[in-house]
Amino acid sequence: MPKQTKRLIYHNFRAIIHREGKWFVAEYPEVGTVSQGKTLEAALVNLKEVTELFAENFSNSSPSQCNA
């Protein structure tokens, strides 16, 4: 069985952050991912995590699954 390799690609995205009540909401508009946290730092950590999961899922999907 061939060994699977992961290719890492790093991008810098501009995060837009705003408050909604007691929460910080962070978004990468270029990617379309959004997350939140009780602190600014938590919102950014959560945003990075959801973006990594999105990219991983996107790279593992077939072209038919990507059609919108």
PDB file of N, CA and C in Angstrom:
ATOM      1  N   MET A   1       0.854  -1.177   0.000  1.00  0.00           N
ATOM      2  CA  MET A   1       0.000   0.000   0.000  1.00  0.00           C
ATOM      3  C   MET A   1       0.901   1.242   0.000  1.00  0.00           C
ATOM      4  N   PRO A   2       0.703   2.154  -0.943  1.00  0.00           N
ATOM      5  CA  PRO A   2       1.552   3.349  -0.989  1.00  0.00           C
ATOM      6  C   PRO A   2       1.317   4.251   0.217  1.00  0.00           C
ATOM      7  N   LYS A   3       2.387   4.852   0.638  1.00  0.00           N
ATOM      8  CA  LYS A   3       2.312   5.775   1.777  1.00  0.00           C
ATOM      9  C   LYS A   3       1.697   7.096   1.320  1.00  0.00           C
ATOM     10  N   GLN A   4       0.720   7.564   2.076  1.00  0.00           N
ATOM     11  CA  GLN A   4       0.095   8.849   1.753  1.00  0.00           C
ATOM     12  C   GLN A   4       0.938   9.972   2.331  1.00  0.00           C
ATOM     13  N   THR A   5       1.083  11.015   1.562  1.00  0.00           N
ATOM     14  CA  THR A   5       1.812  12.185   2.037  1.00  0.00           C
ATOM     15  C   THR A   5       0.875  13.376   2.032  1.00  0.00           C
ATOM     16  N   LYS A   6       1.129  14.273   2.955  1.00  0.00           N
ATOM     17  CA  LYS A   6       0.359  15.513   3.016  1.00  0.00           C
ATOM     18  C   LYS A   6       1.216  16.635   2.474  1.00  0.00           C
ATOM     19  N   ARG A   7       0.613  17.445   1.664  1.00  0.00           N
ATOM     20  CA  ARG A   7       1.298  18.615   1.150  1.00  0.00           C
ATOM     21  C   ARG A   7       0.789  19.817   1.930  1.00  0.00           C
ATOM     22  N   LEU A   8       1.699  20.524   2.542  1.00  0.00           N
ATOM     23  CA  LEU A   8       1.325  21.690   3.337  1.00  0.00           C
ATOM     24  C   LEU A   8       1.486  22.951   2.504  1.00  0.00           C
ATOM     25  N   ILE A   9       0.451  23.728   2.474  1.00  0.00           N
ATOM     26  CA  ILE A   9       0.484  25.016   1.792  1.00  0.00           C
ATOM     27  C   ILE A   9       0.034  26.064   2.795  1.00  0.00           C
ATOM     28  N   TYR A  10       0.831  27.089   2.947  1.00  0.00           N
ATOM     29  CA  TYR A  10       0.509  28.142   3.904  1.00  0.00           C
ATOM     30  C   TYR A  10       0.095  29.406   3.161  1.00  0.00           C
ATOM     31  N   HIS A  11      -0.957  30.010   3.644  1.00  0.00           N
ATOM     32  CA  HIS A  11      -1.445  31.275   3.096  1.00  0.00           C
ATOM     33  C   HIS A  11      -1.666  32.238   4.256  1.00  0.00           C
ATOM     34  N   ASN A  12      -1.504  33.489   3.962  1.00  0.00           N
ATOM     35  CA  ASN A  12      -1.850  34.518   4.938  1.00  0.00           C
ATOM     36  C   ASN A  12      -3.170  35.138   4.505  1.00  0.00           C
ATOM     37  N   PHE A  13      -4.131  35.093   5.408  1.00  0.00           N
ATOM     38  CA  PHE A  13      -5.425  35.696   5.148  1.00  0.00           C
ATOM     39  C   PHE A  13      -5.652  36.832   6.135  1.00  0.00           C
ATOM     40  N   ARG A  14      -6.402  37.816   5.704  1.00  0.00           N
ATOM     41  CA  ARG A  14      -6.756  38.926   6.586  1.00  0.00           C
ATOM     42  C   ARG A  14      -8.027  38.544   7.334  1.00  0.00           C
ATOM     43  N   ALA A  15      -7.946  38.578   8.652  1.00  0.00           N
ATOM     44  CA  ALA A  15      -9.111  38.263   9.482  1.00  0.00           C
ATOM     45  C   ALA A  15      -9.865  39.549   9.802  1.00  0.00           C
ATOM     46  N   ILE A  16     -11.168  39.475   9.724  1.00  0.00           N
ATOM     47  CA  ILE A  16     -12.032  40.572  10.157  1.00  0.00           C
ATOM     48  C   ILE A  16     -12.661  40.129  11.469  1.00  0.00           C
ATOM     49  N   ILE A  17     -12.520  40.949  12.486  1.00  0.00           N
ATOM     50  CA  ILE A  17     -12.995  40.596  13.823  1.00  0.00           C
ATOM     51  C   ILE A  17     -13.901  41.703  14.339  1.00  0.00           C
ATOM     52  N   HIS A  18     -15.029  41.301  14.901  1.00  0.00           N
ATOM     53  CA  HIS A  18     -15.922  42.272  15.535  1.00  0.00           C
ATOM     54  C   HIS A  18     -16.583  41.620  16.743  1.00  0.00           C
ATOM     55  N   ARG A  19     -17.171  42.451  17.570  1.00  0.00           N
ATOM     56  CA  ARG A  19     -17.862  41.941  18.763  1.00  0.00           C
ATOM     57  C   ARG A  19     -19.349  41.834  18.496  1.00  0.00           C
ATOM     58  N   GLU A  20     -19.911  40.773  19.039  1.00  0.00           N
ATOM     59  CA  GLU A  20     -21.364  40.606  19.063  1.00  0.00           C
ATOM     60  C   GLU A  20     -21.719  40.239  20.492  1.00  0.00           C
ATOM     61  N   GLY A  21     -22.160  41.233  21.236  1.00  0.00           N
ATOM     62  CA  GLY A  21     -22.437  41.010  22.654  1.00  0.00           C
ATOM     63  C   GLY A  21     -21.155  40.684  23.394  1.00  0.00           C
ATOM     64  N   LYS A  22     -21.131  39.535  24.060  1.00  0.00           N
ATOM     65  CA  LYS A  22     -19.950  39.122  24.820  1.00  0.00           C
ATOM     66  C   LYS A  22     -18.966  38.308  23.985  1.00  0.00           C
ATOM     67  N   TRP A  23     -19.257  38.095  22.724  1.00  0.00           N
ATOM     68  CA  TRP A  23     -18.442  37.242  21.865  1.00  0.00           C
ATOM     69  C   TRP A  23     -17.645  38.052  20.851  1.00  0.00           C
ATOM     70  N   PHE A  24     -16.475  37.528  20.499  1.00  0.00           N
ATOM     71  CA  PHE A  24     -15.699  38.041  19.377  1.00  0.00           C
ATOM     72  C   PHE A  24     -15.972  37.118  18.193  1.00  0.00           C
ATOM     73  N   VAL A  25     -16.282  37.694  17.046  1.00  0.00           N
ATOM     74  CA  VAL A  25     -16.536  36.926  15.831  1.00  0.00           C
ATOM     75  C   VAL A  25     -15.397  37.222  14.862  1.00  0.00           C
ATOM     76  N   ALA A  26     -14.757  36.163  14.362  1.00  0.00           N
ATOM     77  CA  ALA A  26     -13.628  36.296  13.445  1.00  0.00           C
ATOM     78  C   ALA A  26     -13.974  35.613  12.129  1.00  0.00           C
ATOM     79  N   GLU A  27     -13.572  36.245  11.032  1.00  0.00           N
ATOM     80  CA  GLU A  27     -13.922  35.733   9.702  1.00  0.00           C
ATOM     81  C   GLU A  27     -12.749  35.904   8.749  1.00  0.00           C
ATOM     82  N   TYR A  28     -12.539  34.895   7.896  1.00  0.00           N
ATOM     83  CA  TYR A  28     -11.640  35.008   6.748  1.00  0.00           C
ATOM     84  C   TYR A  28     -12.537  35.147   5.522  1.00  0.00           C
ATOM     85  N   PRO A  29     -12.803  36.373   5.058  1.00  0.00           N
ATOM     86  CA  PRO A  29     -13.724  36.551   3.931  1.00  0.00           C
ATOM     87  C   PRO A  29     -13.264  35.848   2.653  1.00  0.00           C
ATOM     88  N   GLU A  30     -11.941  35.776   2.429  1.00  0.00           N
ATOM     89  CA  GLU A  30     -11.432  35.142   1.208  1.00  0.00           C
ATOM     90  C   GLU A  30     -11.761  33.651   1.164  1.00  0.00           C
ATOM     91  N   VAL A  31     -11.871  33.042   2.339  1.00  0.00           N
ATOM     92  CA  VAL A  31     -12.127  31.603   2.429  1.00  0.00           C
ATOM     93  C   VAL A  31     -13.603  31.331   2.691  1.00  0.00           C
ATOM     94  N   GLY A  32     -14.228  32.211   3.450  1.00  0.00           N
ATOM     95  CA  GLY A  32     -15.626  32.022   3.814  1.00  0.00           C
ATOM     96  C   GLY A  32     -15.815  31.309   5.138  1.00  0.00           C
ATOM     97  N   THR A  33     -14.750  31.243   5.944  1.00  0.00           N
ATOM     98  CA  THR A  33     -14.872  30.598   7.248  1.00  0.00           C
ATOM     99  C   THR A  33     -15.081  31.644   8.331  1.00  0.00           C
ATOM    100  N   VAL A  34     -15.879  31.263   9.334  1.00  0.00           N
ATOM    101  CA  VAL A  34     -16.228  32.156  10.438  1.00  0.00           C
ATOM    102  C   VAL A  34     -16.207  31.349  11.722  1.00  0.00           C
ATOM    103  N   SER A  35     -15.763  31.981  12.814  1.00  0.00           N
ATOM    104  CA  SER A  35     -15.818  31.341  14.121  1.00  0.00           C
ATOM    105  C   SER A  35     -15.969  32.418  15.177  1.00  0.00           C
ATOM    106  N   GLN A  36     -16.035  31.982  16.427  1.00  0.00           N
ATOM    107  CA  GLN A  36     -16.212  32.927  17.528  1.00  0.00           C
ATOM    108  C   GLN A  36     -15.445  32.450  18.744  1.00  0.00           C
ATOM    109  N   GLY A  37     -15.299  33.347  19.706  1.00  0.00           N
ATOM    110  CA  GLY A  37     -14.666  33.010  20.969  1.00  0.00           C
ATOM    111  C   GLY A  37     -14.993  34.068  22.003  1.00  0.00           C
ATOM    112  N   LYS A  38     -14.797  33.709  23.269  1.00  0.00           N
ATOM    113  CA  LYS A  38     -15.070  34.667  24.345  1.00  0.00           C
ATOM    114  C   LYS A  38     -13.986  35.726  24.445  1.00  0.00           C
ATOM    115  N   THR A  39     -12.805  35.435  23.873  1.00  0.00           N
ATOM    116  CA  THR A  39     -11.722  36.418  23.807  1.00  0.00           C
ATOM    117  C   THR A  39     -11.296  36.552  22.353  1.00  0.00           C
ATOM    118  N   LEU A  40     -10.590  37.615  22.049  1.00  0.00           N
ATOM    119  CA  LEU A  40     -10.069  37.822  20.703  1.00  0.00           C
ATOM    120  C   LEU A  40      -9.160  36.670  20.311  1.00  0.00           C
ATOM    121  N   GLU A  41      -8.290  36.277  21.230  1.00  0.00           N
ATOM    122  CA  GLU A  41      -7.343  35.194  20.961  1.00  0.00           C
ATOM    123  C   GLU A  41      -8.077  33.882  20.690  1.00  0.00           C
ATOM    124  N   ALA A  42      -9.103  33.586  21.487  1.00  0.00           N
ATOM    125  CA  ALA A  42      -9.872  32.352  21.297  1.00  0.00           C
ATOM    126  C   ALA A  42     -10.584  32.359  19.948  1.00  0.00           C
ATOM    127  N   ALA A  43     -11.112  33.499  19.553  1.00  0.00           N
ATOM    128  CA  ALA A  43     -11.790  33.597  18.263  1.00  0.00           C
ATOM    129  C   ALA A  43     -10.818  33.315  17.124  1.00  0.00           C
ATOM    130  N   LEU A  44      -9.596  33.833  17.229  1.00  0.00           N
ATOM    131  CA  LEU A  44      -8.598  33.597  16.183  1.00  0.00           C
ATOM    132  C   LEU A  44      -8.143  32.143  16.150  1.00  0.00           C
ATOM    133  N   VAL A  45      -7.936  31.549  17.324  1.00  0.00           N
ATOM    134  CA  VAL A  45      -7.555  30.130  17.382  1.00  0.00           C
ATOM    135  C   VAL A  45      -8.656  29.280  16.751  1.00  0.00           C
ATOM    136  N   ASN A  46      -9.897  29.557  17.110  1.00  0.00           N
ATOM    137  CA  ASN A  46     -11.028  28.808  16.555  1.00  0.00           C
ATOM    138  C   ASN A  46     -11.149  29.005  15.047  1.00  0.00           C
ATOM    139  N   LEU A  47     -10.901  30.226  14.582  1.00  0.00           N
ATOM    140  CA  LEU A  47     -10.969  30.512  13.150  1.00  0.00           C
ATOM    141  C   LEU A  47      -9.901  29.731  12.393  1.00  0.00           C
ATOM    142  N   LYS A  48      -8.693  29.697  12.923  1.00  0.00           N
ATOM    143  CA  LYS A  48      -7.622  28.936  12.269  1.00  0.00           C
ATOM    144  C   LYS A  48      -7.970  27.455  12.220  1.00  0.00           C
ATOM    145  N   GLU A  49      -8.525  26.940  13.309  1.00  0.00           N
ATOM    146  CA  GLU A  49      -8.884  25.521  13.366  1.00  0.00           C
ATOM    147  C   GLU A  49      -9.976  25.176  12.349  1.00  0.00           C
ATOM    148  N   VAL A  50     -11.023  25.981  12.291  1.00  0.00           N
ATOM    149  CA  VAL A  50     -12.111  25.692  11.350  1.00  0.00           C
ATOM    150  C   VAL A  50     -11.631  25.842   9.906  1.00  0.00           C
ATOM    151  N   THR A  51     -10.711  26.763   9.656  1.00  0.00           N
ATOM    152  CA  THR A  51     -10.177  26.947   8.308  1.00  0.00           C
ATOM    153  C   THR A  51      -9.323  25.754   7.901  1.00  0.00           C
ATOM    154  N   GLU A  52      -8.528  25.228   8.835  1.00  0.00           N
ATOM    155  CA  GLU A  52      -7.734  24.030   8.549  1.00  0.00           C
ATOM    156  C   GLU A  52      -8.645  22.838   8.257  1.00  0.00           C
ATOM    157  N   LEU A  53      -9.713  22.681   9.038  1.00  0.00           N
ATOM    158  CA  LEU A  53     -10.659  21.589   8.803  1.00  0.00           C
ATOM    159  C   LEU A  53     -11.355  21.746   7.450  1.00  0.00           C
ATOM    160  N   PHE A  54     -11.710  22.971   7.117  1.00  0.00           N
ATOM    161  CA  PHE A  54     -12.341  23.250   5.828  1.00  0.00           C
ATOM    162  C   PHE A  54     -11.398  22.883   4.686  1.00  0.00           C
ATOM    163  N   ALA A  55     -10.140  23.310   4.786  1.00  0.00           N
ATOM    164  CA  ALA A  55      -9.162  23.034   3.730  1.00  0.00           C
ATOM    165  C   ALA A  55      -8.904  21.533   3.610  1.00  0.00           C
ATOM    166  N   GLU A  56      -8.825  20.842   4.737  1.00  0.00           N
ATOM    167  CA  GLU A  56      -8.607  19.396   4.727  1.00  0.00           C
ATOM    168  C   GLU A  56      -9.788  18.684   4.068  1.00  0.00           C
ATOM    169  N   ASN A  57     -10.984  19.071   4.419  1.00  0.00           N
ATOM    170  CA  ASN A  57     -12.181  18.469   3.837  1.00  0.00           C
ATOM    171  C   ASN A  57     -12.282  18.782   2.350  1.00  0.00           C
ATOM    172  N   PHE A  58     -11.950  20.005   1.978  1.00  0.00           N
ATOM    173  CA  PHE A  58     -12.013  20.420   0.582  1.00  0.00           C
ATOM    174  C   PHE A  58     -11.023  19.630  -0.259  1.00  0.00           C
ATOM    175  N   SER A  59      -9.811  19.408   0.261  1.00  0.00           N
ATOM    176  CA  SER A  59      -8.785  18.700  -0.503  1.00  0.00           C
ATOM    177  C   SER A  59      -9.086  17.211  -0.615  1.00  0.00           C
ATOM    178  N   ASN A  60      -9.908  16.663   0.295  1.00  0.00           N
ATOM    179  CA  ASN A  60     -10.250  15.241   0.265  1.00  0.00           C
ATOM    180  C   ASN A  60     -11.524  14.949  -0.509  1.00  0.00           C
ATOM    181  N   SER A  61     -12.211  15.973  -0.989  1.00  0.00           N
ATOM    182  CA  SER A  61     -13.484  15.753  -1.668  1.00  0.00           C
ATOM    183  C   SER A  61     -13.260  15.582  -3.168  1.00  0.00           C
ATOM    184  N   SER A  62     -14.177  14.881  -3.795  1.00  0.00           N
ATOM    185  CA  SER A  62     -14.111  14.694  -5.243  1.00  0.00           C
ATOM    186  C   SER A  62     -14.720  15.920  -5.922  1.00  0.00           C
ATOM    187  N   PRO A  63     -14.420  16.124  -7.203  1.00  0.00           N
ATOM    188  CA  PRO A  63     -14.981  17.296  -7.898  1.00  0.00           C
ATOM    189  C   PRO A  63     -16.504  17.356  -7.839  1.00  0.00           C
ATOM    190  N   SER A  64     -17.187  16.210  -7.860  1.00  0.00           N
ATOM    191  CA  SER A  64     -18.650  16.231  -7.812  1.00  0.00           C
ATOM    192  C   SER A  64     -19.170  16.735  -6.478  1.00  0.00           C
ATOM    193  N   GLN A  65     -18.379  16.571  -5.402  1.00  0.00           N
ATOM    194  CA  GLN A  65     -18.786  17.058  -4.090  1.00  0.00           C
ATOM    195  C   GLN A  65     -18.546  18.553  -3.949  1.00  0.00           C
ATOM    196  N   CYS A  66     -17.745  19.134  -4.815  1.00  0.00           N
ATOM    197  CA  CYS A  66     -17.376  20.546  -4.701  1.00  0.00           C
ATOM    198  C   CYS A  66     -18.308  21.460  -5.481  1.00  0.00           C
ATOM    199  N   ASN A  67     -19.168  20.914  -6.305  1.00  0.00           N
ATOM    200  CA  ASN A  67     -20.069  21.752  -7.092  1.00  0.00           C
ATOM    201  C   ASN A  67     -21.093  22.417  -6.200  1.00  0.00           C
ATOM    202  N   ALA A  68     -21.247  23.718  -6.387  1.00  0.00           N
ATOM    203  CA  ALA A  68     -22.224  24.457  -5.582  1.00  0.00           C
ATOM    204  C   ALA A  68     -23.413  24.834  -6.421  1.00  0.00           C
TER     205      ALA A  68
END
